[in-house]
C-alpha atoms as a PDB file:
ATOM      1  CA  MET A   1      58.972  11.308   4.014  1.00  0.00           C
ATOM      2  CA  ALA A   2      57.574  13.868   1.593  1.00  0.00           C
ATOM      3  CA  ALA A   3      60.961  15.047   0.334  1.00  0.00           C
ATOM      4  CA  GLU A   4      61.979  11.522  -0.631  1.00  0.00           C
ATOM      5  CA  CYS A   5      58.709  10.987  -2.505  1.00  0.00           C
ATOM      6  CA  ILE A   6      59.217  14.195  -4.465  1.00  0.00           C
ATOM      7  CA  GLU A   7      62.820  13.210  -5.229  1.00  0.00           C
ATOM      8  CA  THR A   8      61.381  10.034  -6.743  1.00  0.00           C
ATOM      9  CA  VAL A   9      59.070  12.150  -8.903  1.00  0.00           C
ATOM     10  CA  LEU A  10      62.117  14.141 -10.070  1.00  0.00           C
ATOM     11  CA  LYS A  11      63.871  10.922 -11.069  1.00  0.00           C
ATOM     12  CA  VAL A  12      60.806   9.789 -13.012  1.00  0.00           C
ATOM     13  CA  LEU A  13      60.660  13.137 -14.842  1.00  0.00           C
ATOM     14  CA  GLU A  14      64.326  12.762 -15.719  1.00  0.00           C
ATOM     15  CA  ASP A  15      63.831   9.193 -16.947  1.00  0.00           C
ATOM     16  CA  ILE A  16      60.869  10.196 -19.120  1.00  0.00           C
ATOM     17  CA  GLY A  17      63.145  12.615 -20.913  1.00  0.00           C
ATOM     18  CA  MET A  18      60.540  15.221 -21.781  1.00  0.00           C
ATOM     19  CA  GLU A  19      62.654  18.315 -21.218  1.00  0.00           C
ATOM     20  CA  SER A  20      59.820  20.830 -21.472  1.00  0.00           C
ATOM     21  CA  ILE A  21      57.916  19.132 -18.654  1.00  0.00           C
ATOM     22  CA  ARG A  22      61.037  18.579 -16.586  1.00  0.00           C
ATOM     23  CA  ILE A  23      62.305  22.148 -16.800  1.00  0.00           C
ATOM     24  CA  CYS A  24      59.029  23.864 -15.980  1.00  0.00           C
ATOM     25  CA  ASN A  25      58.265  21.624 -13.001  1.00  0.00           C
ATOM     26  CA  THR A  26      61.676  20.891 -11.524  1.00  0.00           C
ATOM     27  CA  SER A  27      62.184  24.224  -9.790  1.00  0.00           C
ATOM     28  CA  LYS A  28      58.736  23.949  -8.186  1.00  0.00           C
ATOM     29  CA  LEU A  29      59.566  20.489  -6.890  1.00  0.00           C
ATOM     30  CA  TYR A  30      62.928  21.735  -5.581  1.00  0.00           C
ATOM     31  CA  GLY A  31      61.079  24.466  -3.682  1.00  0.00           C
ATOM     32  CA  ILE A  32      58.657  21.995  -2.137  1.00  0.00           C
ATOM     33  CA  ILE A  33      61.538  19.729  -1.135  1.00  0.00           C
ATOM     34  CA  ALA A  34      63.426  22.670   0.401  1.00  0.00           C
ATOM     35  CA  LEU A  35      60.395  23.676   2.483  1.00  0.00           C
ATOM     36  CA  SER A  36      59.912  20.069   3.544  1.00  0.00           C
ATOM     37  CA  TYR A  37      63.516  19.881   4.747  1.00  0.00           C
ATOM     38  CA  TYR A  38      63.076  23.192   6.545  1.00  0.00           C
ATOM     39  CA  ARG A  39      60.221  21.685   8.544  1.00  0.00           C
ATOM     40  CA  LEU A  40      62.547  18.792   9.426  1.00  0.00           C
ATOM     41  CA  ASN A  41      65.313  21.204  10.513  1.00  0.00           C
ATOM     42  CA  ARG A  42      67.654  19.794   7.861  1.00  0.00           C
ATOM     43  CA  PHE A  43      69.107  23.140   6.861  1.00  0.00           C
ATOM     44  CA  TYR A  44      71.961  21.817   4.723  1.00  0.00           C
ATOM     45  CA  ASP A  45      69.355  20.204   2.465  1.00  0.00           C
ATOM     46  CA  VAL A  46      67.358  23.447   2.355  1.00  0.00           C
ATOM     47  CA  TYR A  47      70.449  25.304   1.128  1.00  0.00           C
ATOM     48  CA  TYR A  48      71.185  22.533  -1.368  1.00  0.00           C
ATOM     49  CA  TYR A  49      67.753  22.674  -3.001  1.00  0.00           C
ATOM     50  CA  LEU A  50      67.589  26.461  -2.822  1.00  0.00           C
ATOM     51  CA  ASN A  51      70.837  26.575  -4.807  1.00  0.00           C
ATOM     52  CA  LYS A  52      69.405  24.147  -7.347  1.00  0.00           C
ATOM     53  CA  MET A  53      66.395  26.451  -7.717  1.00  0.00           C
ATOM     54  CA  GLU A  54      68.685  29.435  -8.257  1.00  0.00           C
ATOM     55  CA  VAL A  55      70.426  27.633 -11.099  1.00  0.00           C
ATOM     56  CA  LEU A  56      67.136  26.822 -12.817  1.00  0.00           C
ATOM     57  CA  LEU A  57      65.710  30.307 -12.280  1.00  0.00           C
ATOM     58  CA  SER A  58      68.892  32.229 -13.037  1.00  0.00           C
ATOM     59  CA  HIS A  59      67.562  33.254 -16.460  1.00  0.00           C
ATOM     60  CA  ILE A  60      64.877  35.243 -14.601  1.00  0.00           C
ATOM     61  CA  LEU A  61      66.681  36.246 -11.410  1.00  0.00           C
ATOM     62  CA  ASN A  62      69.713  37.695 -13.213  1.00  0.00           C
ATOM     63  CA  LYS A  63      67.866  39.751 -15.819  1.00  0.00           C
ATOM     64  CA  GLU A  64      67.523  43.487 -15.442  1.00  0.00           C
ATOM     65  CA  GLU A  65      64.077  43.448 -17.037  1.00  0.00           C
ATOM     66  CA  LYS A  66      62.112  40.769 -15.246  1.00  0.00           C
ATOM     67  CA  ASN A  67      59.393  38.859 -17.059  1.00  0.00           C
ATOM     68  CA  TYR A  68      57.600  36.647 -14.566  1.00  0.00           C
ATOM     69  CA  ASN A  69      55.100  35.230 -17.038  1.00  0.00           C
ATOM     70  CA  LEU A  70      54.552  31.527 -16.356  1.00  0.00           C
ATOM     71  CA  TRP A  71      57.086  31.530 -13.488  1.00  0.00           C
ATOM     72  CA  GLU A  72      54.983  32.961 -10.656  1.00  0.00           C
ATOM     73  CA  GLU A  73      54.745  29.722  -8.663  1.00  0.00           C
ATOM     74  CA  ASP A  74      58.445  28.994  -9.068  1.00  0.00           C
ATOM     75  CA  LEU A  75      59.410  32.460  -7.895  1.00  0.00           C
ATOM     76  CA  PHE A  76      56.960  32.335  -4.986  1.00  0.00           C
ATOM     77  CA  LEU A  77      58.550  29.104  -3.759  1.00  0.00           C
ATOM     78  CA  TYR A  78      62.042  30.500  -4.337  1.00  0.00           C
ATOM     79  CA  TYR A  79      61.400  33.653  -2.310  1.00  0.00           C
ATOM     80  CA  MET A  80      59.551  31.674   0.372  1.00  0.00           C
ATOM     81  CA  CYS A  81      62.600  29.418   0.773  1.00  0.00           C
ATOM     82  CA  LYS A  82      64.896  32.461   0.849  1.00  0.00           C
ATOM     83  CA  ALA A  83      62.708  33.999   3.560  1.00  0.00           C
ATOM     84  CA  VAL A  84      62.716  30.945   5.830  1.00  0.00           C
ATOM     85  CA  ILE A  85      66.490  30.620   5.462  1.00  0.00           C
ATOM     86  CA  SER A  86      66.948  34.319   6.219  1.00  0.00           C
ATOM     87  CA  GLN A  87      64.797  33.887   9.306  1.00  0.00           C
ATOM     88  CA  TYR A  88      66.836  30.818  10.339  1.00  0.00           C
ATOM     89  CA  GLU A  89      70.070  32.790   9.904  1.00  0.00           C
ATOM     90  CA  GLY A  90      68.675  35.613  12.031  1.00  0.00           C
ATOM     91  CA  ASN A  91      68.622  38.060   9.127  1.00  0.00           C
ATOM     92  CA  MET A  92      64.898  38.577   9.422  1.00  0.00           C
ATOM     93  CA  GLU A  93      62.520  39.280  12.260  1.00  0.00           C
ATOM     94  CA  ASP A  94      59.756  36.799  13.129  1.00  0.00           C
END
């Protein structure tokens, strides 16, 4: 399954120990995993990885003055995951 393969990539990034690579790519991988679990109808896992993304992106999401430089892909995946969850919860029209 795709999500399990990406989780393996996350473990490798953690084992390598290069924090700059790990930080800038982890939220993207979390977003891809969340979307993968959405396609499998495993909504608990979608929420889990969406929350992990929020933690990593909190320095951008919680600022009054937003600077999206270098974070466009991460934020796209974050808002895409939020949208599919909102649709699942019935908070959004098809």
